[in-house]
PDB file of N, CA and C in Angstrom:
ATOM      1  N   MET A   1       0.742  -2.089 -15.332  1.00  0.00           N
ATOM      2  CA  MET A   1      -0.381  -1.781 -14.471  1.00  0.00           C
ATOM      3  C   MET A   1      -0.565  -3.102 -13.765  1.00  0.00           C
ATOM      4  N   SER A   2      -1.151  -2.877 -12.407  1.00  0.00           N
ATOM      5  CA  SER A   2      -1.611  -3.858 -11.746  1.00  0.00           C
ATOM      6  C   SER A   2      -3.038  -4.244 -12.044  1.00  0.00           C
ATOM      7  N   GLU A   3      -3.134  -5.482 -12.671  1.00  0.00           N
ATOM      8  CA  GLU A   3      -4.550  -5.969 -12.870  1.00  0.00           C
ATOM      9  C   GLU A   3      -5.244  -6.266 -11.730  1.00  0.00           C
ATOM     10  N   HIS A   4      -4.488  -6.741 -10.557  1.00  0.00           N
ATOM     11  CA  HIS A   4      -5.237  -7.095  -9.391  1.00  0.00           C
ATOM     12  C   HIS A   4      -5.850  -5.742  -8.668  1.00  0.00           C
ATOM     13  N   LEU A   5      -5.046  -4.713  -8.771  1.00  0.00           N
ATOM     14  CA  LEU A   5      -5.425  -3.568  -8.167  1.00  0.00           C
ATOM     15  C   LEU A   5      -6.575  -3.124  -8.951  1.00  0.00           C
ATOM     16  N   SER A   6      -6.539  -2.945 -10.122  1.00  0.00           N
ATOM     17  CA  SER A   6      -7.495  -2.286 -10.983  1.00  0.00           C
ATOM     18  C   SER A   6      -8.877  -3.128 -10.728  1.00  0.00           C
ATOM     19  N   SER A   7      -8.732  -4.377 -10.859  1.00  0.00           N
ATOM     20  CA  SER A   7      -9.925  -5.283 -10.702  1.00  0.00           C
ATOM     21  C   SER A   7     -10.568  -4.964  -9.412  1.00  0.00           C
ATOM     22  N   PHE A   8      -9.545  -4.772  -8.302  1.00  0.00           N
ATOM     23  CA  PHE A   8     -10.247  -4.739  -6.930  1.00  0.00           C
ATOM     24  C   PHE A   8     -10.920  -3.350  -6.728  1.00  0.00           C
ATOM     25  N   LEU A   9     -10.529  -2.430  -7.425  1.00  0.00           N
ATOM     26  CA  LEU A   9     -11.160  -1.223  -7.225  1.00  0.00           C
ATOM     27  C   LEU A   9     -12.384  -1.013  -7.949  1.00  0.00           C
ATOM     28  N   VAL A  10     -12.505  -1.604  -9.178  1.00  0.00           N
ATOM     29  CA  VAL A  10     -13.624  -1.724 -10.045  1.00  0.00           C
ATOM     30  C   VAL A  10     -14.660  -2.621  -9.250  1.00  0.00           C
ATOM     31  N   ASP A  11     -14.425  -3.957  -8.815  1.00  0.00           N
ATOM     32  CA  ASP A  11     -15.151  -4.628  -8.005  1.00  0.00           C
ATOM     33  C   ASP A  11     -15.734  -3.958  -6.579  1.00  0.00           C
ATOM     34  N   LEU A  12     -14.914  -3.230  -5.938  1.00  0.00           N
ATOM     35  CA  LEU A  12     -15.449  -2.523  -4.963  1.00  0.00           C
ATOM     36  C   LEU A  12     -16.405  -1.442  -5.348  1.00  0.00           C
ATOM     37  N   ALA A  13     -16.209  -0.771  -6.369  1.00  0.00           N
ATOM     38  CA  ALA A  13     -17.030   0.294  -6.723  1.00  0.00           C
ATOM     39  C   ALA A  13     -18.541  -0.311  -7.349  1.00  0.00           C
ATOM     40  N   CYS A  14     -18.550  -1.335  -7.735  1.00  0.00           N
ATOM     41  CA  CYS A  14     -19.519  -1.978  -8.381  1.00  0.00           C
ATOM     42  C   CYS A  14     -20.463  -2.932  -7.455  1.00  0.00           C
ATOM     43  N   ASP A  15     -19.943  -3.225  -6.424  1.00  0.00           N
ATOM     44  CA  ASP A  15     -20.540  -4.265  -5.609  1.00  0.00           C
ATOM     45  C   ASP A  15     -20.809  -3.564  -4.209  1.00  0.00           C
ATOM     46  N   ARG A  16     -21.987  -3.351  -3.989  1.00  0.00           N
ATOM     47  CA  ARG A  16     -22.439  -2.668  -2.782  1.00  0.00           C
ATOM     48  C   ARG A  16     -22.167  -3.392  -1.559  1.00  0.00           C
ATOM     49  N   SER A  17     -22.472  -4.649  -1.619  1.00  0.00           N
ATOM     50  CA  SER A  17     -22.105  -5.458  -0.204  1.00  0.00           C
ATOM     51  C   SER A  17     -20.621  -5.465   0.035  1.00  0.00           C
ATOM     52  N   ARG A  18     -19.741  -5.432  -1.075  1.00  0.00           N
ATOM     53  CA  ARG A  18     -18.244  -5.499  -0.835  1.00  0.00           C
ATOM     54  C   ARG A  18     -17.987  -4.179  -0.309  1.00  0.00           C
ATOM     55  N   MET A  19     -18.613  -3.167  -0.799  1.00  0.00           N
ATOM     56  CA  MET A  19     -18.114  -1.913  -0.324  1.00  0.00           C
ATOM     57  C   MET A  19     -18.510  -1.765   1.180  1.00  0.00           C
ATOM     58  N   VAL A  20     -19.619  -2.219   1.423  1.00  0.00           N
ATOM     59  CA  VAL A  20     -20.226  -2.013   3.034  1.00  0.00           C
ATOM     60  C   VAL A  20     -19.129  -2.814   3.825  1.00  0.00           C
ATOM     61  N   ALA A  21     -18.783  -4.127   3.323  1.00  0.00           N
ATOM     62  CA  ALA A  21     -17.871  -4.849   4.112  1.00  0.00           C
ATOM     63  C   ALA A  21     -16.443  -4.386   4.165  1.00  0.00           C
ATOM     64  N   PHE A  22     -16.075  -3.586   3.090  1.00  0.00           N
ATOM     65  CA  PHE A  22     -14.643  -2.887   3.193  1.00  0.00           C
ATOM     66  C   PHE A  22     -14.733  -1.694   4.122  1.00  0.00           C
ATOM     67  N   ALA A  23     -15.876  -0.947   4.177  1.00  0.00           N
ATOM     68  CA  ALA A  23     -16.029   0.068   5.210  1.00  0.00           C
ATOM     69  C   ALA A  23     -16.100  -0.502   6.560  1.00  0.00           C
ATOM     70  N   ALA A  24     -16.664  -1.512   6.798  1.00  0.00           N
ATOM     71  CA  ALA A  24     -16.615  -1.995   8.251  1.00  0.00           C
ATOM     72  C   ALA A  24     -15.170  -2.639   8.684  1.00  0.00           C
ATOM     73  N   ASP A  25     -14.538  -3.287   7.729  1.00  0.00           N
ATOM     74  CA  ASP A  25     -13.525  -4.039   8.184  1.00  0.00           C
ATOM     75  C   ASP A  25     -12.577  -4.083   6.910  1.00  0.00           C
ATOM     76  N   PRO A  26     -11.881  -3.086   6.501  1.00  0.00           N
ATOM     77  CA  PRO A  26     -10.958  -3.080   5.261  1.00  0.00           C
ATOM     78  C   PRO A  26      -9.837  -4.065   5.269  1.00  0.00           C
ATOM     79  N   HIS A  27      -9.239  -4.329   6.380  1.00  0.00           N
ATOM     80  CA  HIS A  27      -8.203  -5.457   6.489  1.00  0.00           C
ATOM     81  C   HIS A  27      -8.686  -6.748   6.224  1.00  0.00           C
ATOM     82  N   ALA A  28      -9.964  -7.127   6.556  1.00  0.00           N
ATOM     83  CA  ALA A  28     -10.627  -8.446   6.205  1.00  0.00           C
ATOM     84  C   ALA A  28     -10.844  -8.562   4.750  1.00  0.00           C
ATOM     85  N   VAL A  29     -11.333  -7.445   4.135  1.00  0.00           N
ATOM     86  CA  VAL A  29     -11.671  -7.533   2.673  1.00  0.00           C
ATOM     87  C   VAL A  29     -10.223  -7.683   1.922  1.00  0.00           C
ATOM     88  N   LEU A  30      -9.253  -6.900   2.197  1.00  0.00           N
ATOM     89  CA  LEU A  30      -7.990  -6.920   1.666  1.00  0.00           C
ATOM     90  C   LEU A  30      -7.189  -8.086   1.849  1.00  0.00           C
ATOM     91  N   ASP A  31      -7.308  -8.892   2.963  1.00  0.00           N
ATOM     92  CA  ASP A  31      -6.731 -10.126   3.171  1.00  0.00           C
ATOM     93  C   ASP A  31      -7.232 -11.284   2.100  1.00  0.00           C
ATOM     94  N   GLY A  32      -8.446 -11.100   1.478  1.00  0.00           N
ATOM     95  CA  GLY A  32      -8.888 -12.028   0.564  1.00  0.00           C
ATOM     96  C   GLY A  32      -8.560 -11.714  -0.756  1.00  0.00           C
ATOM     97  N   THR A  33      -7.555 -10.788  -1.017  1.00  0.00           N
ATOM     98  CA  THR A  33      -7.213 -10.516  -2.440  1.00  0.00           C
ATOM     99  C   THR A  33      -5.559 -10.756  -2.622  1.00  0.00           C
ATOM    100  N   ARG A  34      -5.400 -10.643  -3.954  1.00  0.00           N
ATOM    101  CA  ARG A  34      -4.083 -10.739  -4.305  1.00  0.00           C
ATOM    102  C   ARG A  34      -3.201  -9.664  -4.555  1.00  0.00           C
ATOM    103  N   LEU A  35      -3.466  -8.572  -3.686  1.00  0.00           N
ATOM    104  CA  LEU A  35      -2.731  -7.285  -3.834  1.00  0.00           C
ATOM    105  C   LEU A  35      -1.389  -7.488  -3.080  1.00  0.00           C
ATOM    106  N   SER A  36      -0.413  -6.619  -3.605  1.00  0.00           N
ATOM    107  CA  SER A  36       0.938  -6.524  -2.933  1.00  0.00           C
ATOM    108  C   SER A  36       0.749  -5.698  -1.537  1.00  0.00           C
ATOM    109  N   ASP A  37       1.699  -5.768  -0.801  1.00  0.00           N
ATOM    110  CA  ASP A  37       1.775  -4.780   0.339  1.00  0.00           C
ATOM    111  C   ASP A  37       1.690  -3.318   0.155  1.00  0.00           C
ATOM    112  N   ASP A  38       2.347  -3.218  -1.026  1.00  0.00           N
ATOM    113  CA  ASP A  38       2.343  -1.563  -1.340  1.00  0.00           C
ATOM    114  C   ASP A  38       0.858  -1.165  -1.854  1.00  0.00           C
ATOM    115  N   GLU A  39       0.355  -2.098  -2.681  1.00  0.00           N
ATOM    116  CA  GLU A  39      -1.062  -1.771  -3.076  1.00  0.00           C
ATOM    117  C   GLU A  39      -2.110  -1.581  -1.997  1.00  0.00           C
ATOM    118  N   ARG A  40      -1.958  -2.534  -0.887  1.00  0.00           N
ATOM    119  CA  ARG A  40      -2.760  -2.556   0.241  1.00  0.00           C
ATOM    120  C   ARG A  40      -2.529  -1.385   1.036  1.00  0.00           C
ATOM    121  N   ALA A  41      -1.347  -0.958   1.183  1.00  0.00           N
ATOM    122  CA  ALA A  41      -1.041   0.204   2.013  1.00  0.00           C
ATOM    123  C   ALA A  41      -1.604   1.576   1.476  1.00  0.00           C
ATOM    124  N   ALA A  42      -1.565   1.589  -0.033  1.00  0.00           N
ATOM    125  CA  ALA A  42      -2.152   2.747  -0.755  1.00  0.00           C
ATOM    126  C   ALA A  42      -3.504   2.867  -0.695  1.00  0.00           C
ATOM    127  N   ILE A  43      -4.159   1.569  -0.623  1.00  0.00           N
ATOM    128  CA  ILE A  43      -5.679   1.542  -0.562  1.00  0.00           C
ATOM    129  C   ILE A  43      -5.976   1.980   1.034  1.00  0.00           C
ATOM    130  N   LEU A  44      -5.226   1.562   1.756  1.00  0.00           N
ATOM    131  CA  LEU A  44      -5.679   1.826   3.256  1.00  0.00           C
ATOM    132  C   LEU A  44      -5.242   3.268   3.712  1.00  0.00           C
ATOM    133  N   ALA A  45      -4.321   4.030   2.948  1.00  0.00           N
ATOM    134  CA  ALA A  45      -4.046   5.180   3.196  1.00  0.00           C
ATOM    135  C   ALA A  45      -4.982   6.206   2.539  1.00  0.00           C
ATOM    136  N   GLY A  46      -5.668   5.679   1.618  1.00  0.00           N
ATOM    137  CA  GLY A  46      -6.489   6.566   0.762  1.00  0.00           C
ATOM    138  C   GLY A  46      -5.692   7.505  -0.008  1.00  0.00           C
ATOM    139  N   ASP A  47      -4.500   7.156  -0.481  1.00  0.00           N
ATOM    140  CA  ASP A  47      -3.614   8.124  -1.114  1.00  0.00           C
ATOM    141  C   ASP A  47      -3.846   8.024  -2.686  1.00  0.00           C
ATOM    142  N   SER A  48      -4.524   8.912  -3.314  1.00  0.00           N
ATOM    143  CA  SER A  48      -4.600   8.744  -4.885  1.00  0.00           C
ATOM    144  C   SER A  48      -3.334   8.610  -5.578  1.00  0.00           C
ATOM    145  N   ALA A  49      -2.263   9.521  -5.317  1.00  0.00           N
ATOM    146  CA  ALA A  49      -1.134   9.642  -5.994  1.00  0.00           C
ATOM    147  C   ALA A  49      -0.285   8.183  -5.908  1.00  0.00           C
ATOM    148  N   ARG A  50      -0.561   7.471  -4.659  1.00  0.00           N
ATOM    149  CA  ARG A  50       0.095   6.145  -4.522  1.00  0.00           C
ATOM    150  C   ARG A  50      -0.521   5.154  -5.252  1.00  0.00           C
ATOM    151  N   LEU A  51      -1.849   5.344  -5.400  1.00  0.00           N
ATOM    152  CA  LEU A  51      -2.829   4.339  -6.064  1.00  0.00           C
ATOM    153  C   LEU A  51      -2.528   4.375  -7.615  1.00  0.00           C
ATOM    154  N   ARG A  52      -2.530   5.660  -8.077  1.00  0.00           N
ATOM    155  CA  ARG A  52      -2.155   5.836  -9.437  1.00  0.00           C
ATOM    156  C   ARG A  52      -0.735   5.357  -9.976  1.00  0.00           C
ATOM    157  N   LYS A  53       0.193   5.486  -8.889  1.00  0.00           N
ATOM    158  CA  LYS A  53       1.726   4.853  -9.066  1.00  0.00           C
ATOM    159  C   LYS A  53       1.579   3.541  -9.219  1.00  0.00           C
ATOM    160  N   ALA A  54       0.711   3.017  -8.233  1.00  0.00           N
ATOM    161  CA  ALA A  54       0.573   1.523  -8.233  1.00  0.00           C
ATOM    162  C   ALA A  54      -0.189   0.810  -9.508  1.00  0.00           C
ATOM    163  N   MET A  55      -0.917   1.786 -10.189  1.00  0.00           N
ATOM    164  CA  MET A  55      -1.573   1.417 -11.227  1.00  0.00           C
ATOM    165  C   MET A  55      -0.741   1.610 -12.673  1.00  0.00           C
ATOM    166  N   GLY A  56       0.329   2.186 -12.401  1.00  0.00           N
ATOM    167  CA  GLY A  56       1.229   2.285 -13.468  1.00  0.00           C
ATOM    168  C   GLY A  56       1.213   3.780 -14.048  1.00  0.00           C
ATOM    169  N   ASP A  57       0.457   4.717 -13.497  1.00  0.00           N
ATOM    170  CA  ASP A  57       0.622   6.083 -13.821  1.00  0.00           C
ATOM    171  C   ASP A  57       1.583   6.907 -12.855  1.00  0.00           C
ATOM    172  N   GLY A  58       2.231   7.677 -13.282  1.00  0.00           N
ATOM    173  CA  GLY A  58       3.306   8.492 -12.592  1.00  0.00           C
ATOM    174  C   GLY A  58       2.605   9.329 -11.456  1.00  0.00           C
ATOM    175  N   GLY A  59       1.413   9.234 -11.248  1.00  0.00           N
ATOM    176  CA  GLY A  59       0.717  10.008 -10.196  1.00  0.00           C
ATOM    177  C   GLY A  59       0.321  11.341 -10.439  1.00  0.00           C
ATOM    178  N   GLY A  60       0.542  11.847 -11.723  1.00  0.00           N
ATOM    179  CA  GLY A  60       0.000  13.159 -11.980  1.00  0.00           C
ATOM    180  C   GLY A  60      -1.068  13.049 -13.116  1.00  0.00           C
ATOM    181  N   GLY A  61      -1.616  11.933 -13.568  1.00  0.00           N
ATOM    182  CA  GLY A  61      -2.510  12.023 -14.515  1.00  0.00           C
ATOM    183  C   GLY A  61      -3.687  11.044 -14.324  1.00  0.00           C
ATOM    184  N   LYS A  62      -4.458  10.564 -15.490  1.00  0.00           N
ATOM    185  CA  LYS A  62      -5.641   9.682 -15.314  1.00  0.00           C
ATOM    186  C   LYS A  62      -5.249   8.241 -15.367  1.00  0.00           C
ATOM    187  N   GLY A  63      -4.018   7.898 -15.425  1.00  0.00           N
ATOM    188  CA  GLY A  63      -3.802   6.549 -15.516  1.00  0.00           C
ATOM    189  C   GLY A  63      -4.039   5.985 -16.964  1.00  0.00           C
ATOM    190  N   GLY A  64      -3.939   6.778 -17.890  1.00  0.00           N
ATOM    191  CA  GLY A  64      -4.078   6.310 -19.269  1.00  0.00           C
ATOM    192  C   GLY A  64      -5.549   6.334 -19.767  1.00  0.00           C
ATOM    193  N   ILE A  65      -6.445   6.765 -18.896  1.00  0.00           N
ATOM    194  CA  ILE A  65      -7.952   6.749 -19.420  1.00  0.00           C
ATOM    195  C   ILE A  65      -8.144   8.103 -20.012  1.00  0.00           C
ATOM    196  N   ARG A  66      -8.763   7.923 -21.262  1.00  0.00           N
ATOM    197  CA  ARG A  66      -8.873   8.967 -22.172  1.00  0.00           C
ATOM    198  C   ARG A  66     -10.572   8.857 -22.501  1.00  0.00           C
ATOM    199  N   ILE A  67     -11.182  10.030 -22.347  1.00  0.00           N
ATOM    200  CA  ILE A  67     -12.557  10.092 -22.526  1.00  0.00           C
ATOM    201  C   ILE A  67     -12.575  11.194 -23.834  1.00  0.00           C
ATOM    202  N   LYS A  68     -13.163  10.573 -24.734  1.00  0.00           N
ATOM    203  CA  LYS A  68     -13.183  11.487 -26.099  1.00  0.00           C
ATOM    204  C   LYS A  68     -14.796  11.868 -26.115  1.00  0.00           C
ATOM    205  N   LYS A  69     -14.996  13.201 -26.678  1.00  0.00           N
ATOM    206  CA  LYS A  69     -16.182  13.489 -26.932  1.00  0.00           C
ATOM    207  C   LYS A  69     -16.686  12.984 -28.395  1.00  0.00           C
ATOM    208  N   LYS A  70     -17.959  12.851 -28.388  1.00  0.00           N
ATOM    209  CA  LYS A  70     -18.334  12.216 -29.641  1.00  0.00           C
ATOM    210  C   LYS A  70     -18.882  13.585 -30.552  1.00  0.00           C
ATOM    211  N   PRO A  71     -18.241  13.696 -31.583  1.00  0.00           N
ATOM    212  CA  PRO A  71     -18.410  14.931 -32.489  1.00  0.00           C
ATOM    213  C   PRO A  71     -19.969  15.084 -32.921  1.00  0.00           C
ATOM    214  N   GLY A  72     -20.423  16.237 -33.065  1.00  0.00           N
ATOM    215  CA  GLY A  72     -21.675  16.672 -33.583  1.00  0.00           C
ATOM    216  C   GLY A  72     -22.901  16.396 -32.433  1.00  0.00           C
ATOM    217  N   ARG A  73     -22.481  16.160 -31.284  1.00  0.00           N
ATOM    218  CA  ARG A  73     -23.425  15.964 -30.133  1.00  0.00           C
ATOM    219  C   ARG A  73     -23.713  17.213 -29.525  1.00  0.00           C
ATOM    220  N   PRO A  74     -24.777  17.672 -29.473  1.00  0.00           N
ATOM    221  CA  PRO A  74     -25.008  19.127 -28.447  1.00  0.00           C
ATOM    222  C   PRO A  74     -24.842  18.692 -27.301  1.00  0.00           C
ATOM    223  N   LYS A  75     -24.578  19.615 -26.221  1.00  0.00           N
ATOM    224  CA  LYS A  75     -24.757  19.343 -24.852  1.00  0.00           C
ATOM    225  C   LYS A  75     -26.088  19.449 -24.485  1.00  0.00           C
ATOM    226  N   PRO A  76     -26.465  18.570 -23.439  1.00  0.00           N
ATOM    227  CA  PRO A  76     -27.887  18.588 -22.954  1.00  0.00           C
ATOM    228  C   PRO A  76     -28.387  19.932 -22.476  1.00  0.00           C
ATOM    229  N   GLY A  77     -29.636  20.236 -22.933  1.00  0.00           N
ATOM    230  CA  GLY A  77     -30.020  21.618 -22.588  1.00  0.00           C
ATOM    231  C   GLY A  77     -29.698  22.659 -23.536  1.00  0.00           C
ATOM    232  N   LYS A  78     -28.711  22.488 -24.360  1.00  0.00           N
ATOM    233  CA  LYS A  78     -28.211  23.512 -25.425  1.00  0.00           C
ATOM    234  C   LYS A  78     -29.033  23.116 -26.782  1.00  0.00           C
ATOM    235  N   LYS A  79     -29.359  24.343 -27.160  1.00  0.00           N
ATOM    236  CA  LYS A  79     -30.119  24.199 -28.637  1.00  0.00           C
ATOM    237  C   LYS A  79     -29.267  24.937 -29.584  1.00  0.00           C
ATOM    238  N   LYS A  80     -28.998  24.342 -30.682  1.00  0.00           N
ATOM    239  CA  LYS A  80     -28.394  25.071 -31.798  1.00  0.00           C
ATOM    240  C   LYS A  80     -29.272  25.998 -32.493  1.00  0.00           C
ATOM    241  N   ARG A  81     -28.744  27.191 -32.757  1.00  0.00           N
ATOM    242  CA  ARG A  81     -29.558  28.102 -33.349  1.00  0.00           C
ATOM    243  C   ARG A  81     -28.918  28.099 -35.075  1.00  0.00           C
ATOM    244  N   PRO A  82     -29.726  28.376 -35.914  1.00  0.00           N
ATOM    245  CA  PRO A  82     -29.391  28.246 -37.207  1.00  0.00           C
ATOM    246  C   PRO A  82     -28.215  29.289 -37.462  1.00  0.00           C
ATOM    247  N   ALA A  83     -27.336  29.128 -38.346  1.00  0.00           N
ATOM    248  CA  ALA A  83     -26.293  30.130 -38.564  1.00  0.00           C
ATOM    249  C   ALA A  83     -26.904  31.351 -39.075  1.00  0.00           C
ATOM    250  N   GLY A  84     -26.123  32.505 -38.751  1.00  0.00           N
ATOM    251  CA  GLY A  84     -26.563  33.795 -39.345  1.00  0.00           C
ATOM    252  C   GLY A  84     -27.799  34.410 -38.212  1.00  0.00           C
ATOM    253  N   LYS A  85     -28.355  33.736 -37.628  1.00  0.00           N
ATOM    254  CA  LYS A  85     -29.398  34.387 -36.755  1.00  0.00           C
ATOM    255  C   LYS A  85     -28.613  34.940 -35.397  1.00  0.00           C
ATOM    256  N   LYS A  86     -29.222  35.984 -34.993  1.00  0.00           N
ATOM    257  CA  LYS A  86     -28.627  36.551 -33.741  1.00  0.00           C
ATOM    258  C   LYS A  86     -29.898  36.811 -32.883  1.00  0.00           C
ATOM    259  N   ARG A  87     -29.371  36.758 -31.466  1.00  0.00           N
ATOM    260  CA  ARG A  87     -30.746  37.021 -30.612  1.00  0.00           C
ATOM    261  C   ARG A  87     -31.022  38.498 -30.641  1.00  0.00           C
TER     262      ARG A  87
END
């Protein structure tokens, strides 16, 4: 996985001023990075499949990110009813 690409995307998402600068002139922001030409092209194209591939995912998944639910926590707004009682 490209650490430069993932760091760039996280920084872009977390830094509002950098996002505004990127929206105004993406080439200028990308010139100040250590991204490869392929990574830059994928960002400029807005192609999520190419970005996933550049990050080490085959383009069909979530790039190895797994979100696990915590057991025993009810969904917000849902109340558990005692067992055996019906509406």
